[in-house]
Amino acid sequence: MSTEGSQKLVSDLKVLAADTQELLRATAEQSGEKVNAARDKARVALARAQARVAAAEAALADRACSATRTTDDYAHGHPWAMAGVVGLFALAIGFIAGRR
């Protein structure tokens, strides 16, 4: 899964968790055996989902830090190659901007 996709998934899960918490608060005054059982099941599912979101966020942050370190190490180890890449990128942007 791409980093962008992972970030969207984490964001969607956070929204779902917030909505579930709001639903639990809204139904707190409702009583009945079935309602209480459903509420307890929702609380357990919410706790699991929040734990998974936290783990996914941590993994995503670790991967981002690793990629940043790798890029930084490469840039410091090959400064002329990086200057060439940046120069070609700037040339391409200038060419595209000049055509408009």
PDB file of N, CA and C in Angstrom:
ATOM      1  N   MET A   1       0.847  -1.169   0.000  1.00  0.00           N
ATOM      2  CA  MET A   1       0.000   0.000   0.000  1.00  0.00           C
ATOM      3  C   MET A   1       0.892   1.231   0.000  1.00  0.00           C
ATOM      4  N   SER A   2       0.533   2.233  -0.770  1.00  0.00           N
ATOM      5  CA  SER A   2       1.337   3.436  -0.857  1.00  0.00           C
ATOM      6  C   SER A   2       1.215   4.255   0.419  1.00  0.00           C
ATOM      7  N   THR A   3       2.153   5.147   0.592  1.00  0.00           N
ATOM      8  CA  THR A   3       2.144   5.999   1.776  1.00  0.00           C
ATOM      9  C   THR A   3       0.907   6.879   1.787  1.00  0.00           C
ATOM     10  N   GLU A   4       0.556   7.402   0.617  1.00  0.00           N
ATOM     11  CA  GLU A   4      -0.627   8.250   0.510  1.00  0.00           C
ATOM     12  C   GLU A   4      -1.891   7.461   0.857  1.00  0.00           C
ATOM     13  N   GLY A   5      -1.968   6.235   0.370  1.00  0.00           N
ATOM     14  CA  GLY A   5      -3.104   5.376   0.683  1.00  0.00           C
ATOM     15  C   GLY A   5      -3.159   5.039   2.156  1.00  0.00           C
ATOM     16  N   SER A   6      -2.009   4.811   2.754  1.00  0.00           N
ATOM     17  CA  SER A   6      -1.955   4.512   4.190  1.00  0.00           C
ATOM     18  C   SER A   6      -2.419   5.708   5.007  1.00  0.00           C
ATOM     19  N   GLN A   7      -1.984   6.894   4.605  1.00  0.00           N
ATOM     20  CA  GLN A   7      -2.393   8.098   5.323  1.00  0.00           C
ATOM     21  C   GLN A   7      -3.897   8.308   5.224  1.00  0.00           C
ATOM     22  N   LYS A   8      -4.465   8.046   4.058  1.00  0.00           N
ATOM     23  CA  LYS A   8      -5.918   8.183   3.884  1.00  0.00           C
ATOM     24  C   LYS A   8      -6.648   7.169   4.744  1.00  0.00           C
ATOM     25  N   LEU A   9      -6.144   5.939   4.791  1.00  0.00           N
ATOM     26  CA  LEU A   9      -6.767   4.902   5.606  1.00  0.00           C
ATOM     27  C   LEU A   9      -6.751   5.287   7.085  1.00  0.00           C
ATOM     28  N   VAL A  10      -5.631   5.767   7.569  1.00  0.00           N
ATOM     29  CA  VAL A  10      -5.518   6.180   8.966  1.00  0.00           C
ATOM     30  C   VAL A  10      -6.498   7.328   9.237  1.00  0.00           C
ATOM     31  N   SER A  11      -6.575   8.276   8.322  1.00  0.00           N
ATOM     32  CA  SER A  11      -7.496   9.403   8.477  1.00  0.00           C
ATOM     33  C   SER A  11      -8.946   8.922   8.514  1.00  0.00           C
ATOM     34  N   ASP A  12      -9.304   8.019   7.606  1.00  0.00           N
ATOM     35  CA  ASP A  12     -10.669   7.484   7.576  1.00  0.00           C
ATOM     36  C   ASP A  12     -11.000   6.719   8.852  1.00  0.00           C
ATOM     37  N   LEU A  13     -10.044   5.949   9.360  1.00  0.00           N
ATOM     38  CA  LEU A  13     -10.270   5.199  10.591  1.00  0.00           C
ATOM     39  C   LEU A  13     -10.442   6.133  11.791  1.00  0.00           C
ATOM     40  N   LYS A  14      -9.724   7.244  11.805  1.00  0.00           N
ATOM     41  CA  LYS A  14      -9.878   8.216  12.887  1.00  0.00           C
ATOM     42  C   LYS A  14     -11.275   8.835  12.855  1.00  0.00           C
ATOM     43  N   VAL A  15     -11.758   9.144  11.656  1.00  0.00           N
ATOM     44  CA  VAL A  15     -13.102   9.693  11.525  1.00  0.00           C
ATOM     45  C   VAL A  15     -14.138   8.673  11.992  1.00  0.00           C
ATOM     46  N   LEU A  16     -13.953   7.423  11.585  1.00  0.00           N
ATOM     47  CA  LEU A  16     -14.861   6.355  12.008  1.00  0.00           C
ATOM     48  C   LEU A  16     -14.853   6.200  13.523  1.00  0.00           C
ATOM     49  N   ALA A  17     -13.683   6.265  14.134  1.00  0.00           N
ATOM     50  CA  ALA A  17     -13.586   6.147  15.592  1.00  0.00           C
ATOM     51  C   ALA A  17     -14.299   7.306  16.277  1.00  0.00           C
ATOM     52  N   ALA A  18     -14.138   8.505  15.767  1.00  0.00           N
ATOM     53  CA  ALA A  18     -14.814   9.666  16.353  1.00  0.00           C
ATOM     54  C   ALA A  18     -16.326   9.538  16.226  1.00  0.00           C
ATOM     55  N   ASP A  19     -16.790   9.070  15.066  1.00  0.00           N
ATOM     56  CA  ASP A  19     -18.225   8.877  14.868  1.00  0.00           C
ATOM     57  C   ASP A  19     -18.775   7.804  15.800  1.00  0.00           C
ATOM     58  N   THR A  20     -18.017   6.734  15.998  1.00  0.00           N
ATOM     59  CA  THR A  20     -18.451   5.661  16.896  1.00  0.00           C
ATOM     60  C   THR A  20     -18.518   6.152  18.336  1.00  0.00           C
ATOM     61  N   GLN A  21     -17.531   6.952  18.749  1.00  0.00           N
ATOM     62  CA  GLN A  21     -17.559   7.506  20.098  1.00  0.00           C
ATOM     63  C   GLN A  21     -18.772   8.415  20.280  1.00  0.00           C
ATOM     64  N   GLU A  22     -19.074   9.205  19.273  1.00  0.00           N
ATOM     65  CA  GLU A  22     -20.236  10.091  19.343  1.00  0.00           C
ATOM     66  C   GLU A  22     -21.528   9.275  19.437  1.00  0.00           C
ATOM     67  N   LEU A  23     -21.612   8.201  18.672  1.00  0.00           N
ATOM     68  CA  LEU A  23     -22.782   7.322  18.722  1.00  0.00           C
ATOM     69  C   LEU A  23     -22.928   6.681  20.100  1.00  0.00           C
ATOM     70  N   LEU A  24     -21.819   6.254  20.680  1.00  0.00           N
ATOM     71  CA  LEU A  24     -21.867   5.669  22.022  1.00  0.00           C
ATOM     72  C   LEU A  24     -22.351   6.688  23.051  1.00  0.00           C
ATOM     73  N   ARG A  25     -21.886   7.938  22.914  1.00  0.00           N
ATOM     74  CA  ARG A  25     -22.336   8.986  23.835  1.00  0.00           C
ATOM     75  C   ARG A  25     -23.829   9.273  23.644  1.00  0.00           C
ATOM     76  N   ALA A  26     -24.267   9.296  22.390  1.00  0.00           N
ATOM     77  CA  ALA A  26     -25.670   9.609  22.100  1.00  0.00           C
ATOM     78  C   ALA A  26     -26.616   8.527  22.603  1.00  0.00           C
ATOM     79  N   THR A  27     -26.171   7.292  22.627  1.00  0.00           N
ATOM     80  CA  THR A  27     -27.042   6.193  23.060  1.00  0.00           C
ATOM     81  C   THR A  27     -26.800   5.803  24.510  1.00  0.00           C
ATOM     82  N   ALA A  28     -26.047   6.589  25.236  1.00  0.00           N
ATOM     83  CA  ALA A  28     -25.711   6.246  26.620  1.00  0.00           C
ATOM     84  C   ALA A  28     -26.942   6.153  27.506  1.00  0.00           C
ATOM     85  N   GLU A  29     -27.966   6.927  27.203  1.00  0.00           N
ATOM     86  CA  GLU A  29     -29.159   6.927  28.046  1.00  0.00           C
ATOM     87  C   GLU A  29     -30.167   5.860  27.638  1.00  0.00           C
ATOM     88  N   GLN A  30     -29.928   5.196  26.522  1.00  0.00           N
ATOM     89  CA  GLN A  30     -30.812   4.121  26.088  1.00  0.00           C
ATOM     90  C   GLN A  30     -30.544   2.893  26.950  1.00  0.00           C
ATOM     91  N   SER A  31     -31.586   2.156  27.242  1.00  0.00           N
ATOM     92  CA  SER A  31     -31.386   0.961  28.050  1.00  0.00           C
ATOM     93  C   SER A  31     -31.990  -0.236  27.336  1.00  0.00           C
ATOM     94  N   GLY A  32     -31.683  -1.360  27.854  1.00  0.00           N
ATOM     95  CA  GLY A  32     -32.163  -2.600  27.258  1.00  0.00           C
ATOM     96  C   GLY A  32     -30.990  -3.536  27.068  1.00  0.00           C
ATOM     97  N   GLU A  33     -31.273  -4.799  27.146  1.00  0.00           N
ATOM     98  CA  GLU A  33     -30.211  -5.794  27.065  1.00  0.00           C
ATOM     99  C   GLU A  33     -29.514  -5.768  25.705  1.00  0.00           C
ATOM    100  N   LYS A  34     -30.276  -5.678  24.640  1.00  0.00           N
ATOM    101  CA  LYS A  34     -29.691  -5.680  23.295  1.00  0.00           C
ATOM    102  C   LYS A  34     -28.874  -4.416  23.049  1.00  0.00           C
ATOM    103  N   VAL A  35     -29.379  -3.290  23.512  1.00  0.00           N
ATOM    104  CA  VAL A  35     -28.660  -2.022  23.329  1.00  0.00           C
ATOM    105  C   VAL A  35     -27.343  -2.052  24.104  1.00  0.00           C
ATOM    106  N   ASN A  36     -27.384  -2.539  25.332  1.00  0.00           N
ATOM    107  CA  ASN A  36     -26.162  -2.614  26.137  1.00  0.00           C
ATOM    108  C   ASN A  36     -25.147  -3.572  25.525  1.00  0.00           C
ATOM    109  N   ALA A  37     -25.626  -4.702  25.009  1.00  0.00           N
ATOM    110  CA  ALA A  37     -24.718  -5.664  24.367  1.00  0.00           C
ATOM    111  C   ALA A  37     -24.092  -5.059  23.116  1.00  0.00           C
ATOM    112  N   ALA A  38     -24.888  -4.353  22.329  1.00  0.00           N
ATOM    113  CA  ALA A  38     -24.369  -3.716  21.113  1.00  0.00           C
ATOM    114  C   ALA A  38     -23.366  -2.626  21.467  1.00  0.00           C
ATOM    115  N   ARG A  39     -23.669  -1.868  22.523  1.00  0.00           N
ATOM    116  CA  ARG A  39     -22.760  -0.801  22.959  1.00  0.00           C
ATOM    117  C   ARG A  39     -21.431  -1.384  23.431  1.00  0.00           C
ATOM    118  N   ASP A  40     -21.484  -2.469  24.192  1.00  0.00           N
ATOM    119  CA  ASP A  40     -20.247  -3.111  24.670  1.00  0.00           C
ATOM    120  C   ASP A  40     -19.431  -3.658  23.495  1.00  0.00           C
ATOM    121  N   LYS A  41     -20.109  -4.253  22.542  1.00  0.00           N
ATOM    122  CA  LYS A  41     -19.426  -4.778  21.347  1.00  0.00           C
ATOM    123  C   LYS A  41     -18.776  -3.645  20.556  1.00  0.00           C
ATOM    124  N   ALA A  42     -19.478  -2.523  20.453  1.00  0.00           N
ATOM    125  CA  ALA A  42     -18.933  -1.361  19.737  1.00  0.00           C
ATOM    126  C   ALA A  42     -17.714  -0.802  20.463  1.00  0.00           C
ATOM    127  N   ARG A  43     -17.760  -0.784  21.793  1.00  0.00           N
ATOM    128  CA  ARG A  43     -16.607  -0.287  22.563  1.00  0.00           C
ATOM    129  C   ARG A  43     -15.371  -1.156  22.341  1.00  0.00           C
ATOM    130  N   VAL A  44     -15.569  -2.463  22.339  1.00  0.00           N
ATOM    131  CA  VAL A  44     -14.448  -3.386  22.123  1.00  0.00           C
ATOM    132  C   VAL A  44     -13.881  -3.197  20.709  1.00  0.00           C
ATOM    133  N   ALA A  45     -14.775  -3.119  19.724  1.00  0.00           N
ATOM    134  CA  ALA A  45     -14.332  -2.927  18.338  1.00  0.00           C
ATOM    135  C   ALA A  45     -13.614  -1.597  18.181  1.00  0.00           C
ATOM    136  N   LEU A  46     -14.123  -0.562  18.846  1.00  0.00           N
ATOM    137  CA  LEU A  46     -13.487   0.755  18.783  1.00  0.00           C
ATOM    138  C   LEU A  46     -12.098   0.719  19.400  1.00  0.00           C
ATOM    139  N   ALA A  47     -11.940   0.053  20.520  1.00  0.00           N
ATOM    140  CA  ALA A  47     -10.627  -0.047  21.158  1.00  0.00           C
ATOM    141  C   ALA A  47      -9.642  -0.776  20.257  1.00  0.00           C
ATOM    142  N   ARG A  48     -10.091  -1.863  19.621  1.00  0.00           N
ATOM    143  CA  ARG A  48      -9.215  -2.582  18.681  1.00  0.00           C
ATOM    144  C   ARG A  48      -8.829  -1.711  17.498  1.00  0.00           C
ATOM    145  N   ALA A  49      -9.813  -1.000  16.950  1.00  0.00           N
ATOM    146  CA  ALA A  49      -9.542  -0.139  15.789  1.00  0.00           C
ATOM    147  C   ALA A  49      -8.557   0.964  16.154  1.00  0.00           C
ATOM    148  N   GLN A  50      -8.732   1.553  17.325  1.00  0.00           N
ATOM    149  CA  GLN A  50      -7.814   2.616  17.743  1.00  0.00           C
ATOM    150  C   GLN A  50      -6.402   2.080  17.938  1.00  0.00           C
ATOM    151  N   ALA A  51      -6.278   0.873  18.454  1.00  0.00           N
ATOM    152  CA  ALA A  51      -4.951   0.271  18.616  1.00  0.00           C
ATOM    153  C   ALA A  51      -4.318   0.019  17.248  1.00  0.00           C
ATOM    154  N   ARG A  52      -5.113  -0.453  16.295  1.00  0.00           N
ATOM    155  CA  ARG A  52      -4.590  -0.693  14.947  1.00  0.00           C
ATOM    156  C   ARG A  52      -4.191   0.609  14.265  1.00  0.00           C
ATOM    157  N   VAL A  53      -4.979   1.664  14.464  1.00  0.00           N
ATOM    158  CA  VAL A  53      -4.643   2.966  13.883  1.00  0.00           C
ATOM    159  C   VAL A  53      -3.327   3.468  14.461  1.00  0.00           C
ATOM    160  N   ALA A  54      -3.160   3.329  15.764  1.00  0.00           N
ATOM    161  CA  ALA A  54      -1.916   3.772  16.399  1.00  0.00           C
ATOM    162  C   ALA A  54      -0.728   2.992  15.852  1.00  0.00           C
ATOM    163  N   ALA A  55      -0.898   1.693  15.673  1.00  0.00           N
ATOM    164  CA  ALA A  55       0.186   0.875  15.120  1.00  0.00           C
ATOM    165  C   ALA A  55       0.472   1.251  13.672  1.00  0.00           C
ATOM    166  N   ALA A  56      -0.572   1.497  12.892  1.00  0.00           N
ATOM    167  CA  ALA A  56      -0.383   1.893  11.488  1.00  0.00           C
ATOM    168  C   ALA A  56       0.305   3.245  11.390  1.00  0.00           C
ATOM    169  N   GLU A  57      -0.075   4.179  12.253  1.00  0.00           N
ATOM    170  CA  GLU A  57       0.576   5.483  12.263  1.00  0.00           C
ATOM    171  C   GLU A  57       2.048   5.367  12.612  1.00  0.00           C
ATOM    172  N   ALA A  58       2.355   4.548  13.601  1.00  0.00           N
ATOM    173  CA  ALA A  58       3.753   4.364  14.010  1.00  0.00           C
ATOM    174  C   ALA A  58       4.563   3.737  12.877  1.00  0.00           C
ATOM    175  N   ALA A  59       3.992   2.732  12.209  1.00  0.00           N
ATOM    176  CA  ALA A  59       4.693   2.097  11.090  1.00  0.00           C
ATOM    177  C   ALA A  59       4.893   3.077   9.949  1.00  0.00           C
ATOM    178  N   LEU A  60       3.887   3.886   9.682  1.00  0.00           N
ATOM    179  CA  LEU A  60       3.978   4.883   8.616  1.00  0.00           C
ATOM    180  C   LEU A  60       5.050   5.920   8.934  1.00  0.00           C
ATOM    181  N   ALA A  61       5.088   6.358  10.177  1.00  0.00           N
ATOM    182  CA  ALA A  61       6.098   7.329  10.594  1.00  0.00           C
ATOM    183  C   ALA A  61       7.503   6.731  10.502  1.00  0.00           C
ATOM    184  N   ASP A  62       7.649   5.468  10.891  1.00  0.00           N
ATOM    185  CA  ASP A  62       8.954   4.806  10.797  1.00  0.00           C
ATOM    186  C   ASP A  62       9.419   4.704   9.349  1.00  0.00           C
ATOM    187  N   ARG A  63       8.492   4.336   8.451  1.00  0.00           N
ATOM    188  CA  ARG A  63       8.853   4.227   7.032  1.00  0.00           C
ATOM    189  C   ARG A  63       9.235   5.588   6.460  1.00  0.00           C
ATOM    190  N   ALA A  64       8.510   6.633   6.855  1.00  0.00           N
ATOM    191  CA  ALA A  64       8.823   7.974   6.369  1.00  0.00           C
ATOM    192  C   ALA A  64      10.193   8.421   6.863  1.00  0.00           C
ATOM    193  N   CYS A  65      10.479   8.158   8.133  1.00  0.00           N
ATOM    194  CA  CYS A  65      11.790   8.530   8.688  1.00  0.00           C
ATOM    195  C   CYS A  65      12.908   7.755   8.010  1.00  0.00           C
ATOM    196  N   SER A  66      12.674   6.490   7.745  1.00  0.00           N
ATOM    197  CA  SER A  66      13.670   5.660   7.073  1.00  0.00           C
ATOM    198  C   SER A  66      13.945   6.173   5.665  1.00  0.00           C
ATOM    199  N   ALA A  67      12.883   6.516   4.946  1.00  0.00           N
ATOM    200  CA  ALA A  67      13.050   7.043   3.589  1.00  0.00           C
ATOM    201  C   ALA A  67      13.792   8.376   3.616  1.00  0.00           C
ATOM    202  N   THR A  68      13.488   9.202   4.597  1.00  0.00           N
ATOM    203  CA  THR A  68      14.161  10.495   4.723  1.00  0.00           C
ATOM    204  C   THR A  68      15.645  10.304   5.003  1.00  0.00           C
ATOM    205  N   ARG A  69      15.955   9.381   5.922  1.00  0.00           N
ATOM    206  CA  ARG A  69      17.363   9.115   6.239  1.00  0.00           C
ATOM    207  C   ARG A  69      18.116   8.572   5.029  1.00  0.00           C
ATOM    208  N   THR A  70      17.490   7.657   4.299  1.00  0.00           N
ATOM    209  CA  THR A  70      18.127   7.073   3.125  1.00  0.00           C
ATOM    210  C   THR A  70      18.404   8.145   2.073  1.00  0.00           C
ATOM    211  N   THR A  71      17.429   9.012   1.841  1.00  0.00           N
ATOM    212  CA  THR A  71      17.608  10.091   0.870  1.00  0.00           C
ATOM    213  C   THR A  71      18.710  11.046   1.309  1.00  0.00           C
ATOM    214  N   ASP A  72      18.713  11.376   2.588  1.00  0.00           N
ATOM    215  CA  ASP A  72      19.730  12.278   3.119  1.00  0.00           C
ATOM    216  C   ASP A  72      21.124  11.669   2.995  1.00  0.00           C
ATOM    217  N   ASP A  73      21.242  10.397   3.337  1.00  0.00           N
ATOM    218  CA  ASP A  73      22.533   9.710   3.214  1.00  0.00           C
ATOM    219  C   ASP A  73      23.004   9.691   1.767  1.00  0.00           C
ATOM    220  N   TYR A  74      22.101   9.409   0.840  1.00  0.00           N
ATOM    221  CA  TYR A  74      22.465   9.374  -0.578  1.00  0.00           C
ATOM    222  C   TYR A  74      22.892  10.768  -1.045  1.00  0.00           C
ATOM    223  N   ALA A  75      22.143  11.784  -0.645  1.00  0.00           N
ATOM    224  CA  ALA A  75      22.465  13.157  -1.074  1.00  0.00           C
ATOM    225  C   ALA A  75      23.840  13.581  -0.557  1.00  0.00           C
ATOM    226  N   HIS A  76      24.172  13.200   0.678  1.00  0.00           N
ATOM    227  CA  HIS A  76      25.479  13.560   1.215  1.00  0.00           C
ATOM    228  C   HIS A  76      26.597  12.717   0.598  1.00  0.00           C
ATOM    229  N   GLY A  77      26.278  11.514   0.189  1.00  0.00           N
ATOM    230  CA  GLY A  77      27.291  10.645  -0.415  1.00  0.00           C
ATOM    231  C   GLY A  77      27.530  10.929  -1.882  1.00  0.00           C
ATOM    232  N   HIS A  78      26.551  11.495  -2.569  1.00  0.00           N
ATOM    233  CA  HIS A  78      26.641  11.768  -4.004  1.00  0.00           C
ATOM    234  C   HIS A  78      26.150  13.178  -4.311  1.00  0.00           C
ATOM    235  N   PRO A  79      26.879  14.197  -3.854  1.00  0.00           N
ATOM    236  CA  PRO A  79      26.380  15.569  -4.029  1.00  0.00           C
ATOM    237  C   PRO A  79      26.298  15.999  -5.499  1.00  0.00           C
ATOM    238  N   TRP A  80      27.246  15.576  -6.330  1.00  0.00           N
ATOM    239  CA  TRP A  80      27.205  15.992  -7.728  1.00  0.00           C
ATOM    240  C   TRP A  80      26.049  15.338  -8.483  1.00  0.00           C
ATOM    241  N   ALA A  81      25.765  14.109  -8.164  1.00  0.00           N
ATOM    242  CA  ALA A  81      24.621  13.437  -8.793  1.00  0.00           C
ATOM    243  C   ALA A  81      23.323  14.144  -8.403  1.00  0.00           C
ATOM    244  N   MET A  82      23.200  14.512  -7.140  1.00  0.00           N
ATOM    245  CA  MET A  82      21.998  15.221  -6.689  1.00  0.00           C
ATOM    246  C   MET A  82      21.899  16.592  -7.349  1.00  0.00           C
ATOM    247  N   ALA A  83      23.019  17.271  -7.507  1.00  0.00           N
ATOM    248  CA  ALA A  83      23.001  18.576  -8.183  1.00  0.00           C
ATOM    249  C   ALA A  83      22.548  18.406  -9.626  1.00  0.00           C
ATOM    250  N   GLY A  84      22.983  17.346 -10.269  1.00  0.00           N
ATOM    251  CA  GLY A  84      22.558  17.081 -11.642  1.00  0.00           C
ATOM    252  C   GLY A  84      21.070  16.796 -11.738  1.00  0.00           C
ATOM    253  N   VAL A  85      20.557  16.007 -10.811  1.00  0.00           N
ATOM    254  CA  VAL A  85      19.126  15.699 -10.804  1.00  0.00           C
ATOM    255  C   VAL A  85      18.313  16.964 -10.574  1.00  0.00           C
ATOM    256  N   VAL A  86      18.720  17.767  -9.611  1.00  0.00           N
ATOM    257  CA  VAL A  86      18.017  19.014  -9.325  1.00  0.00           C
ATOM    258  C   VAL A  86      18.094  19.952 -10.528  1.00  0.00           C
ATOM    259  N   GLY A  87      19.249  20.013 -11.165  1.00  0.00           N
ATOM    260  CA  GLY A  87      19.401  20.862 -12.353  1.00  0.00           C
ATOM    261  C   GLY A  87      18.492  20.404 -13.486  1.00  0.00           C
ATOM    262  N   LEU A  88      18.428  19.103 -13.730  1.00  0.00           N
ATOM    263  CA  LEU A  88      17.533  18.594 -14.778  1.00  0.00           C
ATOM    264  C   LEU A  88      16.074  18.862 -14.440  1.00  0.00           C
ATOM    265  N   PHE A  89      15.721  18.704 -13.196  1.00  0.00           N
ATOM    266  CA  PHE A  89      14.350  18.983 -12.771  1.00  0.00           C
ATOM    267  C   PHE A  89      14.019  20.456 -12.985  1.00  0.00           C
ATOM    268  N   ALA A  90      14.939  21.348 -12.606  1.00  0.00           N
ATOM    269  CA  ALA A  90      14.719  22.787 -12.788  1.00  0.00           C
ATOM    270  C   ALA A  90      14.623  23.135 -14.269  1.00  0.00           C
ATOM    271  N   LEU A  91      15.453  22.491 -15.090  1.00  0.00           N
ATOM    272  CA  LEU A  91      15.402  22.723 -16.532  1.00  0.00           C
ATOM    273  C   LEU A  91      14.060  22.285 -17.100  1.00  0.00           C
ATOM    274  N   ALA A  92      13.565  21.140 -16.675  1.00  0.00           N
ATOM    275  CA  ALA A  92      12.268  20.647 -17.157  1.00  0.00           C
ATOM    276  C   ALA A  92      11.141  21.581 -16.734  1.00  0.00           C
ATOM    277  N   ILE A  93      11.166  22.043 -15.504  1.00  0.00           N
ATOM    278  CA  ILE A  93      10.142  22.979 -15.031  1.00  0.00           C
ATOM    279  C   ILE A  93      10.217  24.286 -15.816  1.00  0.00           C
ATOM    280  N   GLY A  94      11.425  24.773 -16.047  1.00  0.00           N
ATOM    281  CA  GLY A  94      11.587  26.002 -16.830  1.00  0.00           C
ATOM    282  C   GLY A  94      11.094  25.829 -18.251  1.00  0.00           C
ATOM    283  N   PHE A  95      11.360  24.685 -18.856  1.00  0.00           N
ATOM    284  CA  PHE A  95      10.903  24.420 -20.220  1.00  0.00           C
ATOM    285  C   PHE A  95       9.370  24.373 -20.281  1.00  0.00           C
ATOM    286  N   ILE A  96       8.776  23.690 -19.309  1.00  0.00           N
ATOM    287  CA  ILE A  96       7.300  23.605 -19.273  1.00  0.00           C
ATOM    288  C   ILE A  96       6.681  24.981 -19.020  1.00  0.00           C
ATOM    289  N   ALA A  97       7.243  25.732 -18.103  1.00  0.00           N
ATOM    290  CA  ALA A  97       6.703  27.054 -17.802  1.00  0.00           C
ATOM    291  C   ALA A  97       6.899  28.009 -18.970  1.00  0.00           C
ATOM    292  N   GLY A  98       7.977  27.861 -19.706  1.00  0.00           N
ATOM    293  CA  GLY A  98       8.243  28.739 -20.835  1.00  0.00           C
ATOM    294  C   GLY A  98       7.328  28.498 -22.033  1.00  0.00           C
ATOM    295  N   ARG A  99       6.747  27.325 -22.112  1.00  0.00           N
ATOM    296  CA  ARG A  99       5.877  27.006 -23.237  1.00  0.00           C
ATOM    297  C   ARG A  99       4.498  27.604 -23.086  1.00  0.00           C
ATOM    298  N   ARG A 100       4.124  28.046 -21.944  1.00  0.00           N
ATOM    299  CA  ARG A 100       2.783  28.570 -21.729  1.00  0.00           C
ATOM    300  C   ARG A 100       2.677  29.995 -22.072  1.00  0.00           C
TER     301      ARG A 100
END
